[in-house]
Structure formats: C-alpha cells, structure tokens
Amino acid sequence: MVGVVLTILPTVTSIPKVNKSGGRDKFGEPPGVGVTVPLPMPVWADALRQVDQDPKRRHPNNIGQGYVIPDPGMFTSTTRTEKYLINWLATRSAWLHKISMSYQGFMPIPAAKWRDWLNSSREVILSSSNVTSVVPSSSPASPDTTPTASQKRKDMAQQLFQLELANQKLPERVFWRETEISMGHIDTEPKITMEILWELYEIGFRFELLALDRTLVRFGWCRDDVALSRDQQIQEIFPGNGGYLVDGLPVKNEGLVADHWTDRAPFIQKLDVLLMPWLGWKEYKVKHVPGELSMTKREDVLALEKALARYYCQQFFDHFGRAAILPRRLHSPAEGSC
C-alpha cells in the first residue's frame, strides 16, 4: 500500500479564545475550522456558546469531566498535532473495540491523561499491548530527585492506558481507513486530518448523549429489557448502522447536521421524543417551541431544533461540568441549505 504524507497546515482561520484559567475556551471554536477541523452546525455551536457556566449550576452529583475518547479540540490547539494524530491512529482500533464492548459501564478518562498519552513516545504507545512491559517515560530519577507533577501525571497516564489496552494488539504501522500514514512524516493532507477529527466529534457526541441519558433517566436503565429499548431509541438518532461508532465516512452531511431542515426533521423529532423523560425538558419546550408544533413547517422544526440544542448543551454542562462534544459537518453545506 502506498504511504501518504499527511500535512497539518498552519492555520490562521481562527484563534482559540482563552478562558480565565488560561486554557482553550471549549465553548468556542478550536483553531483550524474549515481547514483541518470540520464545520460546526450553527444552531449547535450557538447553543454551546450560550451555556451558562456558573459553577453553582453544577449538579451536586457532578459526574466529572472525563472523555470516552480524546477531546477533538485538543488536536489543533497544540504544536504537537502531528504526534497526537499518529498516537491516536496507533491506538484507535484497539480503543474503539474496547469501548464498543463495555460502553455502558465505561469510565471516562480525564483530559490531562488523554493529553499525556497522546504526547507519549512511540515505544510507550506500542508497549501498551503488553501490560507487563513498562517503558519508562524518562530516565530513572536519582534517589534525591522528586518527580515533577507533570512527570507523575504522565506516568499515571501511561500506566492507565497500558492497563486499559492490555489485551489489545497495537499496530506497528498506522492507517486511516485504507491510507497508510508514514511514520515520522505526518505533514499531512488537511482532508485526512479533518476526517479523523470528524469521527472523533461524531463518536464523542454519541457516547455523551448516552452518558447524559443514563444520568437523567436512571429508571430507564434499571432493568435489562427497558435498558435495551432505551439503548435502541438513542441509536436511532444517529444516521447509518454503526450504533455508537461510525460505520464509514458520510458522502454528504446526514442526521442532525444534514444540510436541509427537511432531512434533519426526522432526527430532530427522535431526539425530542428521547428527551421527554429528562427533567425540565417538557417545561423548556413549552416556553420555546410553538404549541401547535408541525414537523412539516420550517419555522417549527427550526424552533424545536434550537430549543433541543440549547437544552442539551446546558444539561450536559450542569451534570458533567464541561462543554459537550457536538456533531459537525464533514462536507461544506450545499447551496441553499438551511
């Protein structure tokens, strides 16, 4: 197979906002939108920007701020984009297999550990296929040397992922779909980078919707027969046949990010039905959506879509304490889309 040299182009299309803690503003847009980052769905992007981030809103049983897969925004918000992509592709198949086998009880990984893992050396990444193989991240410290906080975090991340992937064989070469990525050369085509990140956004959204539903509708997951029905109801919101994973790259924008409102309407309606048991959704819907709702009227569908997006993004913050990962468009919208 012919290796392809991937190029991560320097991006000047957008500049990441800086929040009060000095990090990237995860409620805004990451660098590279439209170049290496897939396009946002305007109504969802606006909903994320509108989230009330008052700490007092956080639920007392806040679940935490971890991620089932790495936050896509971190890939283009670093000078180490190439390294992150290579390490993710080396890990991707094994990791997706793992979460697909145990997705309902999977514990999210903190962002800092994902970052340290993606920044690991190639030897450390490959050693994760053998939990007994310990590859030190740096030279052994002398008896008088105390590891730094950063070093401790990196060591913890390596141990965590070695354990998580203990029974998975990681590849010596990395591929994206059927394209081999030459090691040490990932100055890559923006198109491939965008495809990789699109998949991360899509899978992230699917698993986060599942996690929030399990948090807000606990009674719907307490019995196997009821849980199965709930699980199927969630998966019907996603286009294709991949369930919580992605079964291929779409040839056009589909589902909740389809170009035309008539194509989005069935998925918007399914999301509306799914959220009916969520605390506060019915009341929020009454206030923001016309009473005589018709899914054949453009203004009604768009009003429902906007209400769903804003309610979902706020609920995610209230229960998980961070910005939600949202679906994006892999393709530029068709002319006349709405």
Protein backbone atom coordinates (compact mmCIF):
# COMPACT_ATOMS: atom_id res chain seq x y z
CA MET A 1 0.00 0.00 0.00
CA VAL A 2 1.30 3.43 -0.88
CA GLY A 3 2.12 5.63 2.11
CA VAL A 4 0.59 9.07 2.14
CA VAL A 5 2.38 12.01 3.68
CA LEU A 6 -0.15 13.93 5.76
CA THR A 7 0.29 17.71 6.16
CA ILE A 8 -1.00 19.67 9.11
CA LEU A 9 -1.12 23.19 7.69
CA PRO A 10 -0.54 26.17 9.95
CA THR A 11 -3.94 27.71 10.49
CA VAL A 12 -4.82 31.38 10.63
CA THR A 13 -8.55 30.99 10.07
CA SER A 14 -9.40 31.19 13.75
CA ILE A 15 -7.69 31.91 17.02
CA PRO A 16 -8.68 29.99 20.16
CA LYS A 17 -10.21 32.03 22.94
CA VAL A 18 -8.51 31.95 26.30
CA ASN A 19 -10.64 31.39 29.35
CA LYS A 20 -9.95 32.58 32.87
CA SER A 21 -7.84 29.54 33.68
CA GLY A 22 -5.55 30.28 30.73
CA GLY A 23 -6.63 27.32 28.61
CA ARG A 24 -8.62 26.92 25.40
CA ASP A 25 -12.23 28.06 25.51
CA LYS A 26 -14.01 24.76 24.89
CA PHE A 27 -17.34 26.53 24.45
CA GLY A 28 -15.99 28.33 21.40
CA GLU A 29 -14.41 27.12 18.16
CA PRO A 30 -10.97 25.45 18.04
CA PRO A 31 -8.27 26.60 15.60
CA GLY A 32 -8.50 25.33 12.03
CA VAL A 33 -12.25 25.30 11.40
CA GLY A 34 -12.88 24.67 7.73
CA VAL A 35 -9.26 23.67 7.11
CA THR A 36 -8.40 20.78 9.43
CA VAL A 37 -11.44 20.94 11.74
CA PRO A 38 -14.90 20.00 10.40
CA LEU A 39 -17.51 22.73 10.18
CA PRO A 40 -19.82 23.32 13.14
CA MET A 41 -23.58 23.03 12.87
CA PRO A 42 -24.53 26.69 13.50
CA VAL A 43 -27.50 26.04 15.79
CA TRP A 44 -25.45 23.66 17.98
CA ALA A 45 -22.38 25.90 18.02
CA ASP A 46 -24.54 28.84 19.10
CA ALA A 47 -26.15 26.72 21.82
CA LEU A 48 -22.72 25.81 23.19
CA ARG A 49 -21.67 29.47 23.29
CA GLN A 50 -24.86 30.32 25.18
CA VAL A 51 -24.26 27.85 28.03
CA ASP A 52 -24.45 29.44 31.49
CA GLN A 53 -21.12 28.38 33.03
CA ASP A 54 -21.96 29.48 36.57
CA PRO A 55 -20.34 26.84 38.86
CA LYS A 56 -23.46 26.96 41.03
CA ARG A 57 -25.39 25.27 38.22
CA ARG A 58 -23.32 22.12 38.51
CA HIS A 59 -25.30 19.22 39.88
CA PRO A 60 -24.20 18.07 43.37
CA ASN A 61 -23.63 14.59 41.92
CA ASN A 62 -21.49 16.00 39.11
CA ILE A 63 -20.17 13.04 37.13
CA GLY A 64 -16.80 14.56 36.28
CA GLN A 65 -15.06 15.96 33.25
CA GLY A 66 -13.52 12.91 31.59
CA TYR A 67 -13.79 11.78 27.96
CA VAL A 68 -14.53 8.35 26.49
CA ILE A 69 -12.39 9.37 23.52
CA PRO A 70 -9.98 12.32 23.32
CA ASP A 71 -11.43 15.80 23.03
CA PRO A 72 -11.09 16.60 19.29
CA GLY A 73 -10.36 20.24 20.08
CA MET A 74 -7.04 19.40 21.70
CA PHE A 75 -5.58 18.14 18.41
CA THR A 76 -5.42 21.54 16.72
CA SER A 77 -4.85 23.54 19.90
CA THR A 78 -1.29 22.31 20.29
CA THR A 79 2.02 22.49 18.44
CA ARG A 80 2.13 18.68 18.70
CA THR A 81 -0.77 17.99 16.33
CA GLU A 82 1.25 15.51 14.23
CA LYS A 83 2.29 13.47 17.25
CA TYR A 84 -1.23 13.42 18.67
CA LEU A 85 -2.67 12.17 15.38
CA ILE A 86 -0.08 9.41 14.95
CA ASN A 87 -0.56 8.18 18.51
CA TRP A 88 -4.34 8.27 18.22
CA LEU A 89 -4.27 6.28 14.98
CA ALA A 90 -1.96 3.72 16.60
CA THR A 91 -4.43 3.37 19.48
CA ARG A 92 -7.70 3.93 17.64
CA SER A 93 -8.80 0.43 16.59
CA ALA A 94 -8.00 -1.16 19.94
CA TRP A 95 -9.63 1.67 21.88
CA LEU A 96 -12.82 1.73 19.80
CA HIS A 97 -13.09 -2.04 20.16
CA LYS A 98 -12.76 -1.72 23.92
CA ILE A 99 -15.40 0.96 24.38
CA SER A 100 -17.80 -0.80 21.99
CA MET A 101 -17.60 -3.90 24.20
CA SER A 102 -18.15 -2.10 27.51
CA TYR A 103 -19.65 1.27 26.61
CA GLN A 104 -22.44 1.27 29.21
CA GLY A 105 -20.08 0.94 32.16
CA PHE A 106 -17.00 2.68 30.78
CA MET A 107 -15.33 5.28 32.98
CA PRO A 108 -14.27 8.44 31.10
CA ILE A 109 -10.59 9.41 31.07
CA PRO A 110 -9.56 12.89 32.29
CA ALA A 111 -8.42 15.24 29.53
CA ALA A 112 -4.96 15.66 31.07
CA LYS A 113 -4.36 11.90 30.89
CA TRP A 114 -5.51 11.80 27.26
CA ARG A 115 -3.11 14.65 26.52
CA ASP A 116 -0.19 12.91 28.22
CA TRP A 117 -0.98 9.65 26.43
CA LEU A 118 -1.19 11.28 23.01
CA ASN A 119 2.11 13.02 23.74
CA SER A 120 3.84 9.75 24.67
CA SER A 121 6.74 8.27 22.77
CA ARG A 122 6.10 5.65 20.09
CA GLU A 123 7.69 2.97 22.31
CA VAL A 124 5.28 3.73 25.15
CA ILE A 125 2.25 3.59 22.84
CA LEU A 126 3.24 0.20 21.43
CA SER A 127 4.12 -1.20 24.86
CA SER A 128 0.50 -0.76 25.94
CA SER A 129 -0.30 -4.06 24.21
CA ASN A 130 1.62 -5.79 26.99
CA VAL A 131 0.71 -4.63 30.48
CA THR A 132 3.82 -6.29 31.93
CA SER A 133 6.03 -4.21 29.65
CA VAL A 134 6.87 -1.00 31.41
CA VAL A 135 8.62 1.62 29.31
CA PRO A 136 9.90 4.47 31.46
CA SER A 137 8.86 7.88 30.21
CA SER A 138 12.19 9.36 31.19
CA SER A 139 15.48 8.37 32.73
CA PRO A 140 15.15 6.88 36.22
CA ALA A 141 15.19 9.51 38.88
CA SER A 142 18.04 9.52 41.32
CA PRO A 143 17.22 8.86 44.99
CA ASP A 144 17.44 12.59 45.67
CA THR A 145 15.18 13.59 42.76
CA THR A 146 11.46 14.13 43.30
CA PRO A 147 9.33 13.62 40.17
CA THR A 148 7.55 16.74 38.97
CA ALA A 149 3.76 16.94 38.94
CA SER A 150 3.88 16.74 35.15
CA GLN A 151 6.06 13.62 35.27
CA LYS A 152 3.79 11.96 37.81
CA ARG A 153 0.75 12.67 35.62
CA LYS A 154 2.48 11.29 32.54
CA ASP A 155 3.49 8.10 34.37
CA MET A 156 -0.08 7.66 35.63
CA ALA A 157 -1.45 8.10 32.10
CA GLN A 158 0.95 5.51 30.71
CA GLN A 159 0.04 3.01 33.41
CA LEU A 160 -3.67 3.65 32.86
CA PHE A 161 -3.61 3.07 29.11
CA GLN A 162 -1.29 0.08 29.39
CA LEU A 163 -3.89 -1.45 31.70
CA GLU A 164 -6.87 -0.45 29.54
CA LEU A 165 -5.30 -1.88 26.37
CA ALA A 166 -3.59 -4.86 27.99
CA ASN A 167 -5.27 -7.44 25.75
CA GLN A 168 -5.23 -5.43 22.54
CA LYS A 169 -2.51 -5.76 19.91
CA LEU A 170 -1.46 -2.34 18.63
CA PRO A 171 -0.14 -1.98 15.08
CA GLU A 172 3.45 -1.28 14.10
CA ARG A 173 2.16 0.89 11.23
CA VAL A 174 -0.75 3.28 11.34
CA PHE A 175 -3.56 3.72 8.85
CA TRP A 176 -6.53 5.97 8.35
CA ARG A 177 -9.16 3.85 6.66
CA GLU A 178 -7.08 2.38 3.80
CA THR A 179 -4.39 5.05 3.73
CA GLU A 180 -1.08 4.24 5.37
CA ILE A 181 0.39 7.13 7.33
CA SER A 182 4.16 7.23 7.04
CA MET A 183 5.75 7.33 10.47
CA GLY A 184 7.73 10.44 11.18
CA HIS A 185 6.19 12.27 8.23
CA ILE A 186 2.79 13.34 9.27
CA ASP A 187 2.91 16.66 7.50
CA THR A 188 -0.44 15.64 6.21
CA GLU A 189 -3.31 16.45 3.91
CA PRO A 190 -5.82 18.64 5.79
CA LYS A 191 -8.62 16.50 4.34
CA ILE A 192 -7.44 13.41 6.22
CA THR A 193 -6.95 15.36 9.44
CA MET A 194 -10.50 16.68 9.08
CA GLU A 195 -11.86 13.17 8.57
CA ILE A 196 -10.07 11.89 11.68
CA LEU A 197 -11.40 14.76 13.77
CA TRP A 198 -14.92 14.43 12.32
CA GLU A 199 -15.03 10.84 13.53
CA LEU A 200 -13.89 11.90 17.00
CA TYR A 201 -16.59 14.59 17.19
CA GLU A 202 -19.28 12.18 15.99
CA ILE A 203 -18.35 9.31 18.32
CA GLY A 204 -17.85 11.71 21.21
CA PHE A 205 -21.36 13.13 20.75
CA ARG A 206 -22.93 9.68 20.58
CA PHE A 207 -21.30 8.41 23.75
CA GLU A 208 -22.01 11.65 25.61
CA LEU A 209 -25.69 11.55 24.68
CA LEU A 210 -25.79 8.02 26.05
CA ALA A 211 -24.00 9.07 29.25
CA LEU A 212 -26.32 12.02 29.87
CA ASP A 213 -29.40 9.89 29.24
CA ARG A 214 -28.19 7.28 31.73
CA THR A 215 -27.69 10.09 34.24
CA LEU A 216 -31.08 11.77 33.77
CA VAL A 217 -33.25 8.70 33.15
CA ARG A 218 -31.89 6.23 35.68
CA PHE A 219 -35.20 4.34 35.87
CA GLY A 220 -34.91 3.67 32.15
CA TRP A 221 -31.69 1.73 32.67
CA CYS A 222 -32.53 -0.27 35.81
CA ARG A 223 -33.89 -3.37 34.01
CA ASP A 224 -32.33 -5.13 31.04
CA ASP A 225 -35.47 -5.14 28.90
CA VAL A 226 -36.16 -1.44 29.49
CA ALA A 227 -32.48 -0.56 29.04
CA LEU A 228 -32.39 -2.35 25.69
CA SER A 229 -35.35 -0.34 24.45
CA ARG A 230 -33.77 2.90 25.66
CA ASP A 231 -30.48 1.98 24.03
CA GLN A 232 -32.15 1.32 20.69
CA GLN A 233 -34.05 4.59 20.94
CA ILE A 234 -30.79 6.50 21.31
CA GLN A 235 -29.09 4.73 18.43
CA GLU A 236 -31.98 5.57 16.08
CA ILE A 237 -30.96 9.22 16.38
CA PHE A 238 -27.69 8.51 14.58
CA PRO A 239 -27.53 8.02 10.80
CA GLY A 240 -26.02 4.86 9.34
CA ASN A 241 -25.75 1.47 11.00
CA GLY A 242 -22.73 1.97 13.22
CA GLY A 243 -24.53 2.31 16.55
CA TYR A 244 -22.32 4.34 18.85
CA LEU A 245 -19.39 4.00 16.50
CA VAL A 246 -19.16 5.28 12.93
CA ASP A 247 -19.56 2.75 10.12
CA GLY A 248 -17.87 4.88 7.49
CA LEU A 249 -17.38 8.41 6.27
CA PRO A 250 -20.61 10.00 5.01
CA VAL A 251 -20.79 11.12 1.39
CA LYS A 252 -22.99 14.02 2.50
CA ASN A 253 -23.99 15.69 5.75
CA GLU A 254 -26.54 13.48 7.50
CA GLY A 255 -28.73 13.21 10.57
CA LEU A 256 -28.74 16.18 12.94
CA VAL A 257 -26.26 18.03 10.69
CA ALA A 258 -27.95 17.42 7.33
CA ASP A 259 -27.91 20.44 5.04
CA HIS A 260 -31.68 20.88 4.67
CA TRP A 261 -34.16 21.13 7.52
CA THR A 262 -36.46 18.53 5.94
CA ASP A 263 -33.65 15.97 6.13
CA ARG A 264 -32.89 16.88 9.75
CA ALA A 265 -36.53 16.85 10.84
CA PRO A 266 -36.89 13.07 11.47
CA PHE A 267 -33.75 13.04 13.63
CA ILE A 268 -34.80 16.19 15.49
CA GLN A 269 -38.16 14.57 16.23
CA LYS A 270 -36.48 11.41 17.54
CA LEU A 271 -34.25 13.46 19.82
CA ASP A 272 -37.31 15.33 21.09
CA VAL A 273 -39.02 12.03 21.97
CA LEU A 274 -35.87 10.74 23.66
CA LEU A 275 -35.65 13.81 25.91
CA MET A 276 -39.27 13.66 27.11
CA PRO A 277 -38.32 11.87 30.38
CA TRP A 278 -35.47 14.32 31.04
CA LEU A 279 -36.24 16.61 33.97
CA GLY A 280 -37.28 20.04 32.75
CA TRP A 281 -37.41 19.35 29.01
CA LYS A 282 -41.20 19.45 28.68
CA GLU A 283 -41.36 22.81 30.50
CA TYR A 284 -38.48 24.24 28.47
CA LYS A 285 -40.10 23.07 25.25
CA VAL A 286 -43.42 24.73 26.14
CA LYS A 287 -41.64 28.06 26.64
CA HIS A 288 -39.53 27.98 23.45
CA VAL A 289 -41.47 25.96 20.86
CA PRO A 290 -44.88 26.74 19.29
CA GLY A 291 -47.75 24.87 20.95
CA GLU A 292 -49.19 23.62 17.66
CA LEU A 293 -45.93 22.10 16.51
CA SER A 294 -45.82 20.79 12.95
CA MET A 295 -42.78 18.86 11.68
CA THR A 296 -43.70 19.90 8.14
CA LYS A 297 -43.28 23.62 8.88
CA ARG A 298 -39.78 25.03 8.57
CA GLU A 299 -40.13 27.60 11.36
CA ASP A 300 -41.49 24.98 13.78
CA VAL A 301 -38.73 22.49 13.06
CA LEU A 302 -36.03 25.14 13.44
CA ALA A 303 -37.55 26.36 16.71
CA LEU A 304 -37.58 22.81 18.10
CA GLU A 305 -34.02 22.23 16.88
CA LYS A 306 -32.80 25.40 18.61
CA ALA A 307 -34.54 24.51 21.87
CA LEU A 308 -33.14 20.96 21.83
CA ALA A 309 -29.60 22.17 21.19
CA ARG A 310 -29.68 24.78 23.96
CA TYR A 311 -31.31 22.48 26.50
CA TYR A 312 -28.92 19.63 25.73
CA CYS A 313 -25.76 21.75 25.94
CA GLN A 314 -26.84 23.31 29.24
CA GLN A 315 -27.83 19.98 30.77
CA PHE A 316 -24.51 18.48 29.77
CA PHE A 317 -22.61 21.28 31.50
CA ASP A 318 -24.81 21.07 34.59
CA HIS A 319 -24.12 17.36 35.03
CA PHE A 320 -20.60 16.94 33.63
CA GLY A 321 -19.10 20.34 34.32
CA ARG A 322 -17.66 20.95 30.84
CA ALA A 323 -18.56 21.69 27.25
CA ALA A 324 -20.26 18.91 25.32
CA ILE A 325 -18.73 17.40 22.19
CA LEU A 326 -21.15 18.11 19.35
CA PRO A 327 -21.71 16.65 15.87
CA ARG A 328 -20.13 18.51 12.95
CA ARG A 329 -20.33 18.68 9.19
CA LEU A 330 -17.65 16.87 7.22
CA HIS A 331 -18.78 18.50 3.97
CA SER A 332 -19.42 22.13 3.11
CA PRO A 333 -23.19 22.80 3.19
CA ALA A 334 -24.93 22.63 -0.16
CA GLU A 335 -26.08 25.90 -1.71
CA GLY A 336 -29.46 26.92 -0.34
CA SER A 337 -29.14 24.79 2.81
CA CYS A 338 -31.00 25.86 5.92
